[in-house]
Amino acid sequence: MATCEVCGNDYWMAFEVRTVSGDVHTFDCFECAVHKMAPICEHCQIKIVGHGVEVSGRFFCCAHCARAEEGDQGAQIRDAVGARPT
């Protein structure tokens, strides 16, 4: 069995997450994995669980937050939600 590094639960169905830098993390559920690993929006401080957007190396949960923080570069960011192909 493996122990979750967030909550300390020793669980037979724990899983590992390997990062691009080679770090290995062990969790017993997705909730703990999100708590430990999800980036935080630099505007509204919410955990970014979906795609989010990145502008100038800064992470945001949506285009609205990117536009609020990043001025001209952020103004070019658009969410894909609701966009319809032509």
PDB file of N, CA and C in Angstrom:
ATOM      1  N   MET A   1       0.848  -1.175   0.000  1.00  0.00           N
ATOM      2  CA  MET A   1       0.000   0.000   0.000  1.00  0.00           C
ATOM      3  C   MET A   1       0.896   1.241   0.000  1.00  0.00           C
ATOM      4  N   ALA A   2       0.313   2.359  -0.382  1.00  0.00           N
ATOM      5  CA  ALA A   2       1.065   3.606  -0.441  1.00  0.00           C
ATOM      6  C   ALA A   2       0.325   4.687   0.346  1.00  0.00           C
ATOM      7  N   THR A   3       1.066   5.628   0.858  1.00  0.00           N
ATOM      8  CA  THR A   3       0.511   6.692   1.688  1.00  0.00           C
ATOM      9  C   THR A   3       0.378   7.981   0.893  1.00  0.00           C
ATOM     10  N   CYS A   4      -0.797   8.602   0.971  1.00  0.00           N
ATOM     11  CA  CYS A   4      -1.055   9.881   0.297  1.00  0.00           C
ATOM     12  C   CYS A   4      -0.210  10.969   0.961  1.00  0.00           C
ATOM     13  N   GLU A   5       0.501  11.736   0.148  1.00  0.00           N
ATOM     14  CA  GLU A   5       1.356  12.777   0.705  1.00  0.00           C
ATOM     15  C   GLU A   5       0.589  14.006   1.179  1.00  0.00           C
ATOM     16  N   VAL A   6      -0.704  14.097   0.882  1.00  0.00           N
ATOM     17  CA  VAL A   6      -1.506  15.223   1.351  1.00  0.00           C
ATOM     18  C   VAL A   6      -2.230  14.887   2.652  1.00  0.00           C
ATOM     19  N   CYS A   7      -2.988  13.807   2.648  1.00  0.00           N
ATOM     20  CA  CYS A   7      -3.825  13.492   3.814  1.00  0.00           C
ATOM     21  C   CYS A   7      -3.262  12.394   4.711  1.00  0.00           C
ATOM     22  N   GLY A   8      -2.246  11.673   4.221  1.00  0.00           N
ATOM     23  CA  GLY A   8      -1.629  10.629   5.017  1.00  0.00           C
ATOM     24  C   GLY A   8      -2.358   9.297   5.017  1.00  0.00           C
ATOM     25  N   ASN A   9      -3.428   9.185   4.228  1.00  0.00           N
ATOM     26  CA  ASN A   9      -4.184   7.942   4.154  1.00  0.00           C
ATOM     27  C   ASN A   9      -3.344   6.848   3.497  1.00  0.00           C
ATOM     28  N   ASP A  10      -3.272   5.693   4.128  1.00  0.00           N
ATOM     29  CA  ASP A  10      -2.578   4.534   3.585  1.00  0.00           C
ATOM     30  C   ASP A  10      -3.628   3.712   2.841  1.00  0.00           C
ATOM     31  N   TYR A  11      -3.578   3.723   1.505  1.00  0.00           N
ATOM     32  CA  TYR A  11      -4.681   3.214   0.694  1.00  0.00           C
ATOM     33  C   TYR A  11      -4.153   2.271  -0.385  1.00  0.00           C
ATOM     34  N   TRP A  12      -4.799   1.145  -0.554  1.00  0.00           N
ATOM     35  CA  TRP A  12      -4.358   0.155  -1.532  1.00  0.00           C
ATOM     36  C   TRP A  12      -4.547   0.608  -2.978  1.00  0.00           C
ATOM     37  N   MET A  13      -5.404   1.610  -3.216  1.00  0.00           N
ATOM     38  CA  MET A  13      -5.614   2.104  -4.575  1.00  0.00           C
ATOM     39  C   MET A  13      -4.950   3.465  -4.812  1.00  0.00           C
ATOM     40  N   ALA A  14      -3.962   3.798  -4.004  1.00  0.00           N
ATOM     41  CA  ALA A  14      -3.231   5.052  -4.212  1.00  0.00           C
ATOM     42  C   ALA A  14      -2.574   5.017  -5.600  1.00  0.00           C
ATOM     43  N   PHE A  15      -2.293   6.201  -6.123  1.00  0.00           N
ATOM     44  CA  PHE A  15      -1.684   6.291  -7.452  1.00  0.00           C
ATOM     45  C   PHE A  15      -0.558   7.324  -7.433  1.00  0.00           C
ATOM     46  N   GLU A  16       0.306   7.225  -8.438  1.00  0.00           N
ATOM     47  CA  GLU A  16       1.420   8.145  -8.556  1.00  0.00           C
ATOM     48  C   GLU A  16       1.196   9.099  -9.713  1.00  0.00           C
ATOM     49  N   VAL A  17       1.669  10.326  -9.537  1.00  0.00           N
ATOM     50  CA  VAL A  17       1.697  11.318 -10.599  1.00  0.00           C
ATOM     51  C   VAL A  17       3.157  11.683 -10.811  1.00  0.00           C
ATOM     52  N   ARG A  18       3.613  11.556 -12.042  1.00  0.00           N
ATOM     53  CA  ARG A  18       4.997  11.895 -12.380  1.00  0.00           C
ATOM     54  C   ARG A  18       4.998  13.190 -13.182  1.00  0.00           C
ATOM     55  N   THR A  19       5.803  14.146 -12.754  1.00  0.00           N
ATOM     56  CA  THR A  19       5.856  15.442 -13.434  1.00  0.00           C
ATOM     57  C   THR A  19       6.925  15.424 -14.517  1.00  0.00           C
ATOM     58  N   VAL A  20       6.889  16.410 -15.369  1.00  0.00           N
ATOM     59  CA  VAL A  20       7.856  16.521 -16.459  1.00  0.00           C
ATOM     60  C   VAL A  20       9.275  16.683 -15.911  1.00  0.00           C
ATOM     61  N   SER A  21       9.409  17.236 -14.708  1.00  0.00           N
ATOM     62  CA  SER A  21      10.741  17.414 -14.103  1.00  0.00           C
ATOM     63  C   SER A  21      11.246  16.147 -13.420  1.00  0.00           C
ATOM     64  N   GLY A  22      10.400  15.092 -13.404  1.00  0.00           N
ATOM     65  CA  GLY A  22      10.813  13.825 -12.825  1.00  0.00           C
ATOM     66  C   GLY A  22      10.363  13.589 -11.397  1.00  0.00           C
ATOM     67  N   ASP A  23       9.701  14.566 -10.791  1.00  0.00           N
ATOM     68  CA  ASP A  23       9.176  14.379  -9.438  1.00  0.00           C
ATOM     69  C   ASP A  23       8.044  13.350  -9.457  1.00  0.00           C
ATOM     70  N   VAL A  24       7.922  12.586  -8.392  1.00  0.00           N
ATOM     71  CA  VAL A  24       6.864  11.588  -8.263  1.00  0.00           C
ATOM     72  C   VAL A  24       6.070  11.905  -7.003  1.00  0.00           C
ATOM     73  N   HIS A  25       4.748  12.010  -7.156  1.00  0.00           N
ATOM     74  CA  HIS A  25       3.851  12.301  -6.038  1.00  0.00           C
ATOM     75  C   HIS A  25       2.862  11.150  -5.885  1.00  0.00           C
ATOM     76  N   THR A  26       2.494  10.838  -4.648  1.00  0.00           N
ATOM     77  CA  THR A  26       1.557   9.750  -4.366  1.00  0.00           C
ATOM     78  C   THR A  26       0.308  10.318  -3.706  1.00  0.00           C
ATOM     79  N   PHE A  27      -0.865   9.931  -4.252  1.00  0.00           N
ATOM     80  CA  PHE A  27      -2.142  10.427  -3.747  1.00  0.00           C
ATOM     81  C   PHE A  27      -3.129   9.276  -3.617  1.00  0.00           C
ATOM     82  N   ASP A  28      -4.109   9.465  -2.736  1.00  0.00           N
ATOM     83  CA  ASP A  28      -5.152   8.451  -2.591  1.00  0.00           C
ATOM     84  C   ASP A  28      -6.417   8.830  -3.344  1.00  0.00           C
ATOM     85  N   CYS A  29      -6.510  10.075  -3.840  1.00  0.00           N
ATOM     86  CA  CYS A  29      -7.690  10.519  -4.588  1.00  0.00           C
ATOM     87  C   CYS A  29      -7.328  11.739  -5.430  1.00  0.00           C
ATOM     88  N   PHE A  30      -8.181  12.048  -6.404  1.00  0.00           N
ATOM     89  CA  PHE A  30      -7.941  13.214  -7.248  1.00  0.00           C
ATOM     90  C   PHE A  30      -8.041  14.511  -6.452  1.00  0.00           C
ATOM     91  N   GLU A  31      -8.880  14.539  -5.450  1.00  0.00           N
ATOM     92  CA  GLU A  31      -9.023  15.741  -4.627  1.00  0.00           C
ATOM     93  C   GLU A  31      -7.678  16.127  -4.010  1.00  0.00           C
ATOM     94  N   CYS A  32      -6.959  15.155  -3.458  1.00  0.00           N
ATOM     95  CA  CYS A  32      -5.647  15.440  -2.867  1.00  0.00           C
ATOM     96  C   CYS A  32      -4.643  15.849  -3.944  1.00  0.00           C
ATOM     97  N   ALA A  33      -4.705  15.207  -5.113  1.00  0.00           N
ATOM     98  CA  ALA A  33      -3.795  15.559  -6.202  1.00  0.00           C
ATOM     99  C   ALA A  33      -4.023  16.995  -6.651  1.00  0.00           C
ATOM    100  N   VAL A  34      -5.264  17.403  -6.797  1.00  0.00           N
ATOM    101  CA  VAL A  34      -5.585  18.776  -7.192  1.00  0.00           C
ATOM    102  C   VAL A  34      -5.119  19.746  -6.118  1.00  0.00           C
ATOM    103  N   HIS A  35      -5.386  19.423  -4.875  1.00  0.00           N
ATOM    104  CA  HIS A  35      -4.991  20.290  -3.767  1.00  0.00           C
ATOM    105  C   HIS A  35      -3.490  20.563  -3.798  1.00  0.00           C
ATOM    106  N   LYS A  36      -2.695  19.555  -4.081  1.00  0.00           N
ATOM    107  CA  LYS A  36      -1.236  19.671  -4.064  1.00  0.00           C
ATOM    108  C   LYS A  36      -0.672  20.264  -5.349  1.00  0.00           C
ATOM    109  N   MET A  37      -1.241  19.890  -6.508  1.00  0.00           N
ATOM    110  CA  MET A  37      -0.554  20.166  -7.764  1.00  0.00           C
ATOM    111  C   MET A  37      -1.171  21.230  -8.667  1.00  0.00           C
ATOM    112  N   ALA A  38      -2.451  21.539  -8.514  1.00  0.00           N
ATOM    113  CA  ALA A  38      -3.087  22.477  -9.435  1.00  0.00           C
ATOM    114  C   ALA A  38      -2.532  23.893  -9.234  1.00  0.00           C
ATOM    115  N   PRO A  39      -2.248  24.578 -10.340  1.00  0.00           N
ATOM    116  CA  PRO A  39      -1.813  25.971 -10.206  1.00  0.00           C
ATOM    117  C   PRO A  39      -2.969  26.841  -9.722  1.00  0.00           C
ATOM    118  N   ILE A  40      -2.650  28.020  -9.227  1.00  0.00           N
ATOM    119  CA  ILE A  40      -3.652  28.951  -8.699  1.00  0.00           C
ATOM    120  C   ILE A  40      -3.742  30.155  -9.630  1.00  0.00           C
ATOM    121  N   CYS A  41      -4.969  30.551  -9.974  1.00  0.00           N
ATOM    122  CA  CYS A  41      -5.198  31.717 -10.829  1.00  0.00           C
ATOM    123  C   CYS A  41      -4.613  32.957 -10.151  1.00  0.00           C
ATOM    124  N   GLU A  42      -3.819  33.709 -10.895  1.00  0.00           N
ATOM    125  CA  GLU A  42      -3.167  34.881 -10.322  1.00  0.00           C
ATOM    126  C   GLU A  42      -4.117  36.065 -10.154  1.00  0.00           C
ATOM    127  N   HIS A  43      -5.334  35.942 -10.668  1.00  0.00           N
ATOM    128  CA  HIS A  43      -6.308  37.024 -10.486  1.00  0.00           C
ATOM    129  C   HIS A  43      -7.312  36.703  -9.385  1.00  0.00           C
ATOM    130  N   CYS A  44      -8.004  35.570  -9.474  1.00  0.00           N
ATOM    131  CA  CYS A  44      -9.075  35.268  -8.517  1.00  0.00           C
ATOM    132  C   CYS A  44      -8.686  34.229  -7.465  1.00  0.00           C
ATOM    133  N   GLN A  45      -7.503  33.668  -7.578  1.00  0.00           N
ATOM    134  CA  GLN A  45      -6.945  32.736  -6.594  1.00  0.00           C
ATOM    135  C   GLN A  45      -7.619  31.359  -6.540  1.00  0.00           C
ATOM    136  N   ILE A  46      -8.398  31.007  -7.558  1.00  0.00           N
ATOM    137  CA  ILE A  46      -9.033  29.690  -7.589  1.00  0.00           C
ATOM    138  C   ILE A  46      -8.036  28.657  -8.127  1.00  0.00           C
ATOM    139  N   LYS A  47      -8.178  27.406  -7.696  1.00  0.00           N
ATOM    140  CA  LYS A  47      -7.339  26.328  -8.250  1.00  0.00           C
ATOM    141  C   LYS A  47      -7.753  26.100  -9.699  1.00  0.00           C
ATOM    142  N   ILE A  48      -6.792  25.997 -10.584  1.00  0.00           N
ATOM    143  CA  ILE A  48      -7.065  25.791 -12.004  1.00  0.00           C
ATOM    144  C   ILE A  48      -7.075  24.287 -12.274  1.00  0.00           C
ATOM    145  N   VAL A  49      -8.265  23.737 -12.470  1.00  0.00           N
ATOM    146  CA  VAL A  49      -8.413  22.301 -12.677  1.00  0.00           C
ATOM    147  C   VAL A  49      -8.527  21.985 -14.170  1.00  0.00           C
ATOM    148  N   GLY A  50      -9.072  22.897 -14.941  1.00  0.00           N
ATOM    149  CA  GLY A  50      -9.201  22.690 -16.383  1.00  0.00           C
ATOM    150  C   GLY A  50      -7.982  23.216 -17.126  1.00  0.00           C
ATOM    151  N   HIS A  51      -8.178  23.614 -18.376  1.00  0.00           N
ATOM    152  CA  HIS A  51      -7.068  24.071 -19.201  1.00  0.00           C
ATOM    153  C   HIS A  51      -6.482  25.384 -18.716  1.00  0.00           C
ATOM    154  N   GLY A  52      -7.335  26.344 -18.365  1.00  0.00           N
ATOM    155  CA  GLY A  52      -6.830  27.654 -17.983  1.00  0.00           C
ATOM    156  C   GLY A  52      -6.124  28.308 -19.155  1.00  0.00           C
ATOM    157  N   VAL A  53      -5.498  29.452 -18.895  1.00  0.00           N
ATOM    158  CA  VAL A  53      -4.712  30.144 -19.916  1.00  0.00           C
ATOM    159  C   VAL A  53      -3.414  30.623 -19.288  1.00  0.00           C
ATOM    160  N   GLU A  54      -2.388  30.734 -20.117  1.00  0.00           N
ATOM    161  CA  GLU A  54      -1.092  31.222 -19.665  1.00  0.00           C
ATOM    162  C   GLU A  54      -0.717  32.439 -20.494  1.00  0.00           C
ATOM    163  N   VAL A  55      -0.349  33.510 -19.820  1.00  0.00           N
ATOM    164  CA  VAL A  55       0.088  34.724 -20.489  1.00  0.00           C
ATOM    165  C   VAL A  55       1.390  35.169 -19.820  1.00  0.00           C
ATOM    166  N   SER A  56       2.416  35.300 -20.598  1.00  0.00           N
ATOM    167  CA  SER A  56       3.718  35.753 -20.088  1.00  0.00           C
ATOM    168  C   SER A  56       4.187  34.938 -18.888  1.00  0.00           C
ATOM    169  N   GLY A  57       3.947  33.624 -18.928  1.00  0.00           N
ATOM    170  CA  GLY A  57       4.388  32.757 -17.845  1.00  0.00           C
ATOM    171  C   GLY A  57       3.527  32.808 -16.600  1.00  0.00           C
ATOM    172  N   ARG A  58       2.405  33.501 -16.647  1.00  0.00           N
ATOM    173  CA  ARG A  58       1.475  33.589 -15.515  1.00  0.00           C
ATOM    174  C   ARG A  58       0.232  32.782 -15.862  1.00  0.00           C
ATOM    175  N   PHE A  59      -0.335  32.087 -14.856  1.00  0.00           N
ATOM    176  CA  PHE A  59      -1.482  31.204 -15.090  1.00  0.00           C
ATOM    177  C   PHE A  59      -2.774  31.838 -14.591  1.00  0.00           C
ATOM    178  N   PHE A  60      -3.830  31.677 -15.396  1.00  0.00           N
ATOM    179  CA  PHE A  60      -5.153  32.201 -15.074  1.00  0.00           C
ATOM    180  C   PHE A  60      -6.191  31.124 -15.366  1.00  0.00           C
ATOM    181  N   CYS A  61      -7.310  31.169 -14.645  1.00  0.00           N
ATOM    182  CA  CYS A  61      -8.347  30.159 -14.832  1.00  0.00           C
ATOM    183  C   CYS A  61      -9.152  30.384 -16.106  1.00  0.00           C
ATOM    184  N   CYS A  62      -9.197  31.636 -16.596  1.00  0.00           N
ATOM    185  CA  CYS A  62     -10.001  31.942 -17.787  1.00  0.00           C
ATOM    186  C   CYS A  62      -9.477  33.212 -18.457  1.00  0.00           C
ATOM    187  N   ALA A  63      -9.994  33.494 -19.633  1.00  0.00           N
ATOM    188  CA  ALA A  63      -9.585  34.681 -20.375  1.00  0.00           C
ATOM    189  C   ALA A  63      -9.954  35.961 -19.629  1.00  0.00           C
ATOM    190  N   HIS A  64     -11.085  35.969 -18.956  1.00  0.00           N
ATOM    191  CA  HIS A  64     -11.505  37.161 -18.204  1.00  0.00           C
ATOM    192  C   HIS A  64     -10.446  37.557 -17.184  1.00  0.00           C
ATOM    193  N   CYS A  65      -9.946  36.582 -16.425  1.00  0.00           N
ATOM    194  CA  CYS A  65      -8.923  36.874 -15.415  1.00  0.00           C
ATOM    195  C   CYS A  65      -7.607  37.307 -16.072  1.00  0.00           C
ATOM    196  N   ALA A  66      -7.260  36.693 -17.201  1.00  0.00           N
ATOM    197  CA  ALA A  66      -6.040  37.083 -17.913  1.00  0.00           C
ATOM    198  C   ALA A  66      -6.143  38.517 -18.400  1.00  0.00           C
ATOM    199  N   ARG A  67      -7.294  38.889 -18.944  1.00  0.00           N
ATOM    200  CA  ARG A  67      -7.489  40.254 -19.426  1.00  0.00           C
ATOM    201  C   ARG A  67      -7.424  41.257 -18.283  1.00  0.00           C
ATOM    202  N   ALA A  68      -7.935  40.882 -17.127  1.00  0.00           N
ATOM    203  CA  ALA A  68      -7.947  41.787 -15.972  1.00  0.00           C
ATOM    204  C   ALA A  68      -6.541  42.075 -15.463  1.00  0.00           C
ATOM    205  N   GLU A  69      -5.616  41.153 -15.655  1.00  0.00           N
ATOM    206  CA  GLU A  69      -4.266  41.292 -15.097  1.00  0.00           C
ATOM    207  C   GLU A  69      -3.195  41.649 -16.111  1.00  0.00           C
ATOM    208  N   GLU A  70      -3.369  41.281 -17.357  1.00  0.00           N
ATOM    209  CA  GLU A  70      -2.265  41.334 -18.310  1.00  0.00           C
ATOM    210  C   GLU A  70      -2.357  42.425 -19.368  1.00  0.00           C
ATOM    211  N   GLY A  71      -3.223  43.395 -19.230  1.00  0.00           N
ATOM    212  CA  GLY A  71      -3.249  44.530 -20.145  1.00  0.00           C
ATOM    213  C   GLY A  71      -3.370  44.143 -21.605  1.00  0.00           C
ATOM    214  N   ASP A  72      -2.470  44.691 -22.438  1.00  0.00           N
ATOM    215  CA  ASP A  72      -2.535  44.492 -23.888  1.00  0.00           C
ATOM    216  C   ASP A  72      -2.420  43.027 -24.291  1.00  0.00           C
ATOM    217  N   GLN A  73      -1.488  42.317 -23.699  1.00  0.00           N
ATOM    218  CA  GLN A  73      -1.329  40.900 -24.044  1.00  0.00           C
ATOM    219  C   GLN A  73      -2.547  40.101 -23.591  1.00  0.00           C
ATOM    220  N   GLY A  74      -3.069  40.396 -22.415  1.00  0.00           N
ATOM    221  CA  GLY A  74      -4.250  39.711 -21.908  1.00  0.00           C
ATOM    222  C   GLY A  74      -5.483  40.017 -22.738  1.00  0.00           C
ATOM    223  N   ALA A  75      -5.522  41.212 -23.328  1.00  0.00           N
ATOM    224  CA  ALA A  75      -6.683  41.613 -24.131  1.00  0.00           C
ATOM    225  C   ALA A  75      -6.871  40.711 -25.343  1.00  0.00           C
ATOM    226  N   GLN A  76      -5.820  40.051 -25.769  1.00  0.00           N
ATOM    227  CA  GLN A  76      -5.888  39.178 -26.944  1.00  0.00           C
ATOM    228  C   GLN A  76      -6.391  37.772 -26.606  1.00  0.00           C
ATOM    229  N   ILE A  77      -6.485  37.452 -25.343  1.00  0.00           N
ATOM    230  CA  ILE A  77      -6.873  36.106 -24.901  1.00  0.00           C
ATOM    231  C   ILE A  77      -8.387  35.947 -25.008  1.00  0.00           C
ATOM    232  N   ARG A  78      -8.814  34.824 -25.555  1.00  0.00           N
ATOM    233  CA  ARG A  78     -10.245  34.514 -25.687  1.00  0.00           C
ATOM    234  C   ARG A  78     -10.482  33.105 -25.169  1.00  0.00           C
ATOM    235  N   ASP A  79     -11.582  32.901 -24.463  1.00  0.00           N
ATOM    236  CA  ASP A  79     -11.979  31.566 -24.056  1.00  0.00           C
ATOM    237  C   ASP A  79     -12.577  30.850 -25.257  1.00  0.00           C
ATOM    238  N   ALA A  80     -12.396  29.534 -25.315  1.00  0.00           N
ATOM    239  CA  ALA A  80     -12.978  28.751 -26.405  1.00  0.00           C
ATOM    240  C   ALA A  80     -14.418  28.356 -26.092  1.00  0.00           C
ATOM    241  N   VAL A  81     -14.818  28.455 -24.831  1.00  0.00           N
ATOM    242  CA  VAL A  81     -16.165  28.059 -24.429  1.00  0.00           C
ATOM    243  C   VAL A  81     -17.186  28.955 -25.133  1.00  0.00           C
ATOM    244  N   GLY A  82     -18.127  28.341 -25.774  1.00  0.00           N
ATOM    245  CA  GLY A  82     -19.170  29.101 -26.470  1.00  0.00           C
ATOM    246  C   GLY A  82     -18.785  29.502 -27.882  1.00  0.00           C
ATOM    247  N   ALA A  83     -17.530  29.376 -28.250  1.00  0.00           N
ATOM    248  CA  ALA A  83     -17.106  29.719 -29.606  1.00  0.00           C
ATOM    249  C   ALA A  83     -17.611  28.642 -30.560  1.00  0.00           C
ATOM    250  N   ARG A  84     -18.150  29.090 -31.658  1.00  0.00           N
ATOM    251  CA  ARG A  84     -18.677  28.144 -32.641  1.00  0.00           C
ATOM    252  C   ARG A  84     -17.880  28.251 -33.923  1.00  0.00           C
ATOM    253  N   PRO A  85     -17.495  27.108 -34.460  1.00  0.00           N
ATOM    254  CA  PRO A  85     -16.752  27.143 -35.726  1.00  0.00           C
ATOM    255  C   PRO A  85     -17.614  27.697 -36.858  1.00  0.00           C
ATOM    256  N   THR A  86     -16.979  28.367 -37.766  1.00  0.00           N
ATOM    257  CA  THR A  86     -17.738  28.930 -38.904  1.00  0.00           C
ATOM    258  C   THR A  86     -17.694  28.030 -40.089  1.00  0.00           C
TER     259      THR A  86
END
